[in-house]
N, C-alpha and C. Protein backbone atom coordinates (compact mmCIF):
# COMPACT_ATOMS: atom_id res chain seq x y z
N MET A 1 80.58 117.00 57.77
CA MET A 1 79.95 117.08 56.47
C MET A 1 79.27 115.75 56.22
N ARG A 2 78.05 115.85 55.73
CA ARG A 2 77.30 114.65 55.36
C ARG A 2 77.14 114.62 53.85
N TYR A 3 77.56 113.53 53.27
CA TYR A 3 77.50 113.36 51.82
C TYR A 3 76.33 112.46 51.46
N TRP A 4 75.64 112.82 50.39
CA TRP A 4 74.49 112.05 49.93
C TRP A 4 74.69 111.60 48.48
N ALA A 5 74.12 110.45 48.16
CA ALA A 5 74.07 109.91 46.79
C ALA A 5 75.46 109.91 46.13
N ALA A 6 75.59 110.57 44.98
CA ALA A 6 76.85 110.56 44.22
C ALA A 6 78.00 111.17 45.02
N ALA A 7 77.72 112.13 45.87
CA ALA A 7 78.78 112.72 46.70
C ALA A 7 79.30 111.70 47.70
N LYS A 8 78.41 110.91 48.25
CA LYS A 8 78.79 109.85 49.19
C LYS A 8 79.65 108.80 48.48
N ALA A 9 79.25 108.43 47.28
CA ALA A 9 80.01 107.44 46.52
C ALA A 9 81.40 107.98 46.17
N ALA A 10 81.47 109.23 45.75
CA ALA A 10 82.76 109.81 45.36
C ALA A 10 83.68 110.01 46.57
N ALA A 11 83.11 110.35 47.72
CA ALA A 11 83.91 110.55 48.93
C ALA A 11 84.32 109.22 49.55
N GLY A 12 83.54 108.19 49.30
CA GLY A 12 83.82 106.89 49.91
C GLY A 12 83.42 106.83 51.37
N THR A 13 82.61 107.80 51.80
CA THR A 13 82.14 107.84 53.18
C THR A 13 80.85 108.64 53.23
N ALA A 14 80.03 108.37 54.23
CA ALA A 14 78.77 109.10 54.38
C ALA A 14 78.97 110.44 55.09
N GLU A 15 79.98 110.53 55.94
CA GLU A 15 80.22 111.79 56.63
C GLU A 15 81.64 111.85 57.15
N GLU A 16 82.07 113.08 57.39
CA GLU A 16 83.40 113.31 57.95
C GLU A 16 83.40 114.68 58.63
N PRO A 17 84.26 114.86 59.62
CA PRO A 17 84.30 116.15 60.32
C PRO A 17 84.94 117.23 59.46
N TYR A 18 84.68 118.46 59.80
CA TYR A 18 85.36 119.58 59.15
C TYR A 18 85.89 120.52 60.23
N ALA A 19 86.93 121.25 59.87
CA ALA A 19 87.49 122.30 60.74
C ALA A 19 87.68 123.51 59.84
N ALA A 20 86.64 124.33 59.74
CA ALA A 20 86.66 125.47 58.83
C ALA A 20 85.73 126.55 59.35
N ALA A 21 86.03 127.78 58.99
CA ALA A 21 85.20 128.91 59.40
C ALA A 21 84.12 129.22 58.38
N THR A 22 84.34 128.83 57.11
CA THR A 22 83.37 129.10 56.06
C THR A 22 83.13 127.84 55.24
N LEU A 23 82.03 127.86 54.50
CA LEU A 23 81.74 126.73 53.62
C LEU A 23 82.83 126.57 52.57
N ALA A 24 83.34 127.66 52.04
CA ALA A 24 84.42 127.59 51.04
C ALA A 24 85.64 126.87 51.61
N GLU A 25 86.03 127.20 52.82
CA GLU A 25 87.17 126.54 53.45
C GLU A 25 86.92 125.05 53.65
N ALA A 26 85.72 124.70 54.07
CA ALA A 26 85.38 123.29 54.29
C ALA A 26 85.42 122.51 52.97
N LEU A 27 84.89 123.11 51.91
CA LEU A 27 84.89 122.44 50.61
C LEU A 27 86.30 122.32 50.05
N ASP A 28 87.12 123.34 50.23
CA ASP A 28 88.52 123.26 49.78
C ASP A 28 89.25 122.13 50.51
N ALA A 29 89.03 122.03 51.81
CA ALA A 29 89.67 120.97 52.59
C ALA A 29 89.19 119.59 52.14
N ALA A 30 87.90 119.48 51.85
CA ALA A 30 87.35 118.20 51.39
C ALA A 30 87.93 117.83 50.03
N ARG A 31 88.04 118.81 49.12
CA ARG A 31 88.65 118.53 47.81
C ARG A 31 90.09 118.04 47.98
N THR A 32 90.83 118.66 48.86
CA THR A 32 92.21 118.25 49.11
C THR A 32 92.26 116.84 49.69
N ALA A 33 91.39 116.57 50.65
CA ALA A 33 91.36 115.25 51.29
C ALA A 33 91.01 114.13 50.31
N HIS A 34 90.21 114.47 49.29
CA HIS A 34 89.77 113.46 48.33
C HIS A 34 90.39 113.67 46.96
N ALA A 35 91.56 114.30 46.92
CA ALA A 35 92.22 114.60 45.65
C ALA A 35 92.56 113.36 44.84
N ALA A 36 92.70 112.23 45.48
CA ALA A 36 93.01 110.99 44.77
C ALA A 36 91.85 110.53 43.88
N ASN A 37 90.65 111.07 44.14
CA ASN A 37 89.48 110.72 43.33
C ASN A 37 88.95 111.99 42.66
N PRO A 38 89.35 112.26 41.41
CA PRO A 38 88.93 113.49 40.73
C PRO A 38 87.41 113.60 40.57
N GLU A 39 86.70 112.49 40.63
CA GLU A 39 85.24 112.53 40.51
C GLU A 39 84.62 113.31 41.67
N PHE A 40 85.25 113.29 42.84
CA PHE A 40 84.73 114.01 43.99
C PHE A 40 84.60 115.50 43.69
N ALA A 41 85.64 116.11 43.15
CA ALA A 41 85.59 117.54 42.82
C ALA A 41 84.54 117.83 41.76
N ARG A 42 84.40 116.94 40.79
CA ARG A 42 83.37 117.12 39.74
C ARG A 42 81.97 117.06 40.33
N VAL A 43 81.75 116.14 41.25
CA VAL A 43 80.43 116.01 41.88
C VAL A 43 80.12 117.28 42.68
N LEU A 44 81.09 117.81 43.42
CA LEU A 44 80.85 119.01 44.22
C LEU A 44 80.38 120.19 43.37
N LEU A 45 80.84 120.26 42.14
CA LEU A 45 80.43 121.37 41.25
C LEU A 45 78.93 121.37 40.99
N ARG A 46 78.30 120.22 41.10
CA ARG A 46 76.86 120.11 40.81
C ARG A 46 75.99 120.09 42.07
N CYS A 47 76.61 120.13 43.23
CA CYS A 47 75.88 119.95 44.49
C CYS A 47 75.22 121.23 45.00
N SER A 48 74.18 121.00 45.78
CA SER A 48 73.57 122.03 46.61
C SER A 48 74.03 121.74 48.04
N PHE A 49 73.96 122.77 48.88
CA PHE A 49 74.44 122.61 50.26
C PHE A 49 73.42 123.17 51.24
N LEU A 50 73.31 122.48 52.36
CA LEU A 50 72.55 122.96 53.50
C LEU A 50 73.54 123.14 54.64
N VAL A 51 73.47 124.26 55.33
CA VAL A 51 74.31 124.49 56.50
C VAL A 51 73.39 124.61 57.69
N ASP A 52 73.49 123.65 58.59
CA ASP A 52 72.62 123.58 59.76
C ASP A 52 71.14 123.68 59.36
N GLY A 53 70.81 123.01 58.27
CA GLY A 53 69.43 122.94 57.81
C GLY A 53 68.98 124.06 56.90
N ASP A 54 69.80 125.09 56.71
CA ASP A 54 69.43 126.23 55.87
C ASP A 54 70.08 126.11 54.50
N PRO A 55 69.29 126.24 53.42
CA PRO A 55 69.86 126.17 52.06
C PRO A 55 70.86 127.32 51.82
N VAL A 56 71.97 126.99 51.19
CA VAL A 56 72.97 127.99 50.84
C VAL A 56 72.54 128.74 49.59
N GLY A 57 71.92 128.04 48.66
CA GLY A 57 71.47 128.68 47.43
C GLY A 57 72.63 129.25 46.64
N THR A 58 72.48 130.46 46.14
CA THR A 58 73.51 131.07 45.28
C THR A 58 74.49 131.94 46.06
N ARG A 59 74.41 131.93 47.38
CA ARG A 59 75.34 132.74 48.17
C ARG A 59 76.79 132.32 47.93
N ASP A 60 77.69 133.29 47.97
CA ASP A 60 79.12 133.03 47.87
C ASP A 60 79.54 132.15 49.04
N HIS A 61 80.19 131.04 48.75
CA HIS A 61 80.57 130.10 49.80
C HIS A 61 81.54 130.71 50.80
N GLN A 62 82.29 131.74 50.40
CA GLN A 62 83.18 132.44 51.33
C GLN A 62 82.38 133.20 52.39
N ALA A 63 81.14 133.56 52.05
CA ALA A 63 80.31 134.36 52.95
C ALA A 63 79.38 133.52 53.82
N VAL A 64 79.51 132.20 53.74
CA VAL A 64 78.65 131.31 54.52
C VAL A 64 79.44 130.80 55.72
N PRO A 65 79.17 131.34 56.90
CA PRO A 65 79.93 130.91 58.09
C PRO A 65 79.49 129.54 58.57
N LEU A 66 80.42 128.83 59.15
CA LEU A 66 80.13 127.52 59.73
C LEU A 66 80.34 127.59 61.24
N ALA A 67 79.39 127.02 61.95
CA ALA A 67 79.48 126.96 63.41
C ALA A 67 80.26 125.71 63.82
N GLU A 68 80.98 125.81 64.89
CA GLU A 68 81.66 124.64 65.43
C GLU A 68 80.60 123.61 65.81
N GLY A 69 80.78 122.38 65.35
CA GLY A 69 79.83 121.33 65.65
C GLY A 69 78.59 121.36 64.76
N GLY A 70 78.59 122.23 63.75
CA GLY A 70 77.46 122.33 62.84
C GLY A 70 77.46 121.20 61.82
N THR A 71 76.49 121.26 60.92
CA THR A 71 76.35 120.23 59.90
C THR A 71 76.26 120.86 58.52
N VAL A 72 77.05 120.32 57.60
CA VAL A 72 76.97 120.69 56.19
C VAL A 72 76.46 119.47 55.45
N GLU A 73 75.34 119.63 54.76
CA GLU A 73 74.78 118.54 53.94
C GLU A 73 75.20 118.81 52.50
N VAL A 74 75.77 117.81 51.85
CA VAL A 74 76.23 117.92 50.47
C VAL A 74 75.27 117.09 49.61
N LEU A 75 74.48 117.80 48.81
CA LEU A 75 73.37 117.17 48.08
C LEU A 75 73.53 117.27 46.58
N PRO A 76 73.94 116.19 45.92
CA PRO A 76 74.00 116.22 44.47
C PRO A 76 72.58 116.21 43.89
N PRO A 77 72.45 116.64 42.64
CA PRO A 77 71.11 116.55 42.03
C PRO A 77 70.70 115.08 41.93
N PHE A 78 69.43 114.83 42.11
CA PHE A 78 68.93 113.47 42.00
C PHE A 78 67.50 113.50 41.51
N ALA A 79 67.09 112.42 40.91
CA ALA A 79 65.71 112.31 40.39
C ALA A 79 64.86 111.56 41.40
N GLY A 80 63.59 111.74 41.30
CA GLY A 80 62.69 111.02 42.19
C GLY A 80 61.99 111.96 43.12
N GLY A 81 61.36 111.41 44.11
CA GLY A 81 60.62 112.26 45.03
C GLY A 81 60.49 111.69 46.39
């Protein structure tokens, strides 16, 4: 998982591995791993996600499969261009 902007700050790292079959499982594991920082879970609520370069959009995170060795980008809202 690659964290950007506020997600990176809340996680305290730019990236970390995941072991999950779906985006929902990966996010649950990340919330558990960063439970000591409640801001992390709050930031995730506002984030958009890319899985292997494809936007997740409004799809149910349980229905978004993750490939072994794939990439999840965690993108909080940000201003600018």
